[in-house]
C-alpha atoms as a PDB file:
ATOM      1  CA  ASN A   1      -6.855  16.215 -12.623  1.00  0.00           C
ATOM      2  CA  GLU A   2      -4.621  16.514  -9.047  1.00  0.00           C
ATOM      3  CA  GLN A   3      -6.313  16.941  -5.688  1.00  0.00           C
ATOM      4  CA  ASN A   4      -4.154  17.705  -2.679  1.00  0.00           C
ATOM      5  CA  VAL A   5      -5.101  15.589   0.201  1.00  0.00           C
ATOM      6  CA  GLY A   6      -3.134  17.821   3.206  1.00  0.00           C
ATOM      7  CA  SER A   7      -3.722  15.894   6.440  1.00  0.00           C
ATOM      8  CA  LYS A   8      -6.468  14.286   5.575  1.00  0.00           C
ATOM      9  CA  SER A   9      -6.792  10.945   8.099  1.00  0.00           C
ATOM     10  CA  TYR A  10      -7.246   7.700   5.999  1.00  0.00           C
ATOM     11  CA  SER A  11      -6.601   3.896   5.798  1.00  0.00           C
ATOM     12  CA  VAL A  12      -3.394   2.892   3.493  1.00  0.00           C
ATOM     13  CA  CYS A  13      -3.352  -0.416   1.735  1.00  0.00           C
ATOM     14  CA  SER A  14      -6.860  -1.296   3.003  1.00  0.00           C
ATOM     15  CA  ARG A  15      -6.983  -4.707   2.569  1.00  0.00           C
ATOM     16  CA  CYS A  16      -2.998  -5.179   3.423  1.00  0.00           C
ATOM     17  CA  ARG A  17      -2.909  -6.218   7.202  1.00  0.00           C
ATOM     18  CA  CYS A  18       0.828  -5.424   7.177  1.00  0.00           C
ATOM     19  CA  VAL A  19       0.053  -2.038   6.523  1.00  0.00           C
ATOM     20  CA  LYS A  20      -3.358  -1.267   7.767  1.00  0.00           C
ATOM     21  CA  ARG A  21      -3.293   1.685  10.002  1.00  0.00           C
ATOM     22  CA  ARG A  22      -4.728   5.316  10.425  1.00  0.00           C
ATOM     23  CA  VAL A  23      -2.363   7.986   9.499  1.00  0.00           C
ATOM     24  CA  VAL A  24      -1.886  11.618   9.026  1.00  0.00           C
ATOM     25  CA  ILE A  25      -0.517  12.578   5.584  1.00  0.00           C
ATOM     26  CA  GLY A  26       1.921  15.443   5.404  1.00  0.00           C
ATOM     27  CA  ALA A  27       1.500  16.176   2.010  1.00  0.00           C
ATOM     28  CA  GLY A  28      -0.277  14.058  -0.990  1.00  0.00           C
ATOM     29  CA  ILE A  29      -1.706  14.057  -4.268  1.00  0.00           C
ATOM     30  CA  GLN A  30      -4.422  12.399  -5.494  1.00  0.00           C
ATOM     31  CA  PHE A  31      -5.031  11.426  -9.791  1.00  0.00           C
ATOM     32  CA  LYS A  32      -8.196  11.055 -10.894  1.00  0.00           C
ATOM     33  CA  ASP A  33      -9.783  10.729 -14.103  1.00  0.00           C
ATOM     34  CA  PRO A  34     -12.096  13.428 -15.783  1.00  0.00           C
ATOM     35  CA  ASP A  35     -15.192  11.863 -14.257  1.00  0.00           C
ATOM     36  CA  GLY A  36     -13.958  11.649 -10.709  1.00  0.00           C
ATOM     37  CA  THR A  37     -12.700   8.292 -10.353  1.00  0.00           C
ATOM     38  CA  GLU A  38      -9.394   8.136  -8.443  1.00  0.00           C
ATOM     39  CA  ARG A  39      -6.905   6.366 -10.308  1.00  0.00           C
ATOM     40  CA  GLY A  40      -4.112   6.565  -7.897  1.00  0.00           C
ATOM     41  CA  GLY A  41      -1.885   8.744  -5.402  1.00  0.00           C
ATOM     42  CA  ILE A  42       1.165   9.867  -3.953  1.00  0.00           C
ATOM     43  CA  ALA A  43       1.680  10.386  -0.197  1.00  0.00           C
ATOM     44  CA  SER A  44       4.396  11.449   2.458  1.00  0.00           C
ATOM     45  CA  GLU A  45       3.732  11.131   5.976  1.00  0.00           C
ATOM     46  CA  ASP A  46       5.249  12.744   9.398  1.00  0.00           C
ATOM     47  CA  ASP A  47       6.786   9.623   9.856  1.00  0.00           C
ATOM     48  CA  GLY A  48       9.013   9.670   6.894  1.00  0.00           C
ATOM     49  CA  SER A  49       6.571   7.436   5.103  1.00  0.00           C
ATOM     50  CA  PHE A  50       6.192   7.210   1.292  1.00  0.00           C
ATOM     51  CA  MET A  51       3.438   5.754  -0.768  1.00  0.00           C
ATOM     52  CA  PHE A  52       2.515   5.739  -4.387  1.00  0.00           C
ATOM     53  CA  GLY A  53      -0.564   3.953  -4.876  1.00  0.00           C
ATOM     54  CA  ILE A  54      -2.354   3.146  -8.598  1.00  0.00           C
ATOM     55  CA  ASP A  55      -6.280   1.895  -9.220  1.00  0.00           C
ATOM     56  CA  ASP A  56      -7.963   0.661 -11.930  1.00  0.00           C
ATOM     57  CA  ALA A  57     -10.341   2.110 -14.123  1.00  0.00           C
ATOM     58  CA  SER A  58     -12.967   1.795 -11.549  1.00  0.00           C
ATOM     59  CA  GLY A  59     -11.273   2.975  -9.101  1.00  0.00           C
ATOM     60  CA  HIS A  60     -10.343  -0.031  -7.101  1.00  0.00           C
ATOM     61  CA  GLU A  61      -6.832  -0.372  -5.531  1.00  0.00           C
ATOM     62  CA  ARG A  62      -4.326  -2.529  -7.491  1.00  0.00           C
ATOM     63  CA  ALA A  63      -0.923  -1.569  -6.587  1.00  0.00           C
ATOM     64  CA  HIS A  64       1.129   0.028  -3.937  1.00  0.00           C
ATOM     65  CA  LEU A  65       4.562   0.894  -3.779  1.00  0.00           C
ATOM     66  CA  TYR A  66       5.762   1.886  -0.218  1.00  0.00           C
ATOM     67  CA  TYR A  67       8.357   2.553   2.255  1.00  0.00           C
ATOM     68  CA  ILE A  68       7.444   2.819   6.037  1.00  0.00           C
ATOM     69  CA  PRO A  69      10.434   3.051   8.449  1.00  0.00           C
ATOM     70  CA  SER A  70       9.103   0.682  11.326  1.00  0.00           C
ATOM     71  CA  ARG A  71       8.117  -1.741   8.662  1.00  0.00           C
ATOM     72  CA  GLY A  72      10.654  -1.097   5.530  1.00  0.00           C
ATOM     73  CA  SER A  73      10.166  -1.106   1.326  1.00  0.00           C
ATOM     74  CA  GLY A  74       7.353  -3.036  -0.402  1.00  0.00           C
ATOM     75  CA  VAL A  75       5.243  -3.763  -3.013  1.00  0.00           C
ATOM     76  CA  PHE A  76       1.113  -4.717  -2.616  1.00  0.00           C
ATOM     77  CA  LEU A  77      -0.541  -6.096  -5.229  1.00  0.00           C
ATOM     78  CA  GLN A  78      -4.432  -6.842  -5.437  1.00  0.00           C
ATOM     79  CA  SER A  79      -7.146  -8.415  -7.634  1.00  0.00           C
ATOM     80  CA  LYS A  80      -9.911  -6.454  -8.858  1.00  0.00           C
ATOM     81  CA  SER A  81     -12.200  -8.112  -6.019  1.00  0.00           C
ATOM     82  CA  GLY A  82      -9.398  -8.263  -3.293  1.00  0.00           C
ATOM     83  CA  SER A  83      -9.885 -11.990  -3.328  1.00  0.00           C
ATOM     84  CA  ASN A  84      -6.031 -12.434  -4.174  1.00  0.00           C
ATOM     85  CA  SER A  85      -3.267 -10.205  -2.794  1.00  0.00           C
ATOM     86  CA  LEU A  86       0.560 -10.643  -3.072  1.00  0.00           C
ATOM     87  CA  SER A  87       3.005  -8.626  -0.705  1.00  0.00           C
ATOM     88  CA  LEU A  88       6.357  -8.494  -1.248  1.00  0.00           C
ATOM     89  CA  LEU A  89       8.469  -6.594   1.588  1.00  0.00           C
ATOM     90  CA  ASN A  90      11.921  -6.117   2.431  1.00  0.00           C
ATOM     91  CA  PRO A  91      12.213  -5.092   6.310  1.00  0.00           C
ATOM     92  CA  SER A  92      13.912  -2.125   7.845  1.00  0.00           C
ATOM     93  CA  ASP A  93      15.249  -4.617  10.422  1.00  0.00           C
ATOM     94  CA  SER A  94      18.559  -6.106   8.999  1.00  0.00           C
ATOM     95  CA  ASN A  95      18.273  -9.063  10.943  1.00  0.00           C
ATOM     96  CA  LYS A  96      14.968 -10.133   9.321  1.00  0.00           C
ATOM     97  CA  SER A  97      14.866 -11.597   5.829  1.00  0.00           C
ATOM     98  CA  PRO A  98      12.764 -10.351   2.831  1.00  0.00           C
ATOM     99  CA  LYS A  99       9.117 -12.383   2.050  1.00  0.00           C
ATOM    100  CA  ILE A 100       6.742 -12.374  -0.443  1.00  0.00           C
ATOM    101  CA  GLU A 101       2.996 -13.520   1.175  1.00  0.00           C
ATOM    102  CA  ILE A 102      -0.008 -14.365  -0.819  1.00  0.00           C
ATOM    103  CA  LEU A 103      -3.362 -13.533   1.076  1.00  0.00           C
ATOM    104  CA  ASN A 104      -6.912 -14.288   0.700  1.00  0.00           C
ATOM    105  CA  GLN A 105      -9.617 -12.199   0.782  1.00  0.00           C
ATOM    106  CA  ALA A 106      -9.900 -11.929   4.578  1.00  0.00           C
ATOM    107  CA  GLY A 107      -6.472 -10.633   4.523  1.00  0.00           C
ATOM    108  CA  LYS A 108      -4.782 -13.828   6.039  1.00  0.00           C
ATOM    109  CA  THR A 109      -1.571 -15.081   5.003  1.00  0.00           C
ATOM    110  CA  VAL A 110      -2.155 -18.507   2.689  1.00  0.00           C
ATOM    111  CA  ALA A 111       1.749 -18.765   1.826  1.00  0.00           C
ATOM    112  CA  GLU A 112       4.745 -17.309   2.869  1.00  0.00           C
ATOM    113  CA  TYR A 113       7.910 -17.378   1.299  1.00  0.00           C
ATOM    114  CA  SER A 114      11.108 -15.977   2.794  1.00  0.00           C
ATOM    115  CA  ALA A 115      14.371 -15.578   1.988  1.00  0.00           C
ATOM    116  CA  LYS A 116      16.725 -17.306   4.516  1.00  0.00           C
ATOM    117  CA  LYS A 117      20.004 -15.596   6.016  1.00  0.00           C
END
């Protein structure tokens, strides 16, 4: 099942403090199970951002692959309960290094590993 989400405003990667924001979707598709549980989606935004999200069978957000022009490209993974999250970011700014962050349930970074240039 697919549903066009049009220009709906929503929060992307709600536990990922690095991309938490209100956005207007230029185009998008939600994928749902026959019972209506969201299993993922694809969204393109007016600013050139593009995201692909994957939810588990219960509808919990688990993985996101994204490109946000002002931030860069990355992958965000979280546990079912949201107690542990992992972010891999390759920044748009060539003066900044790629990094991996481990976040707690509150969205605070508990460990960070950065590639030194």
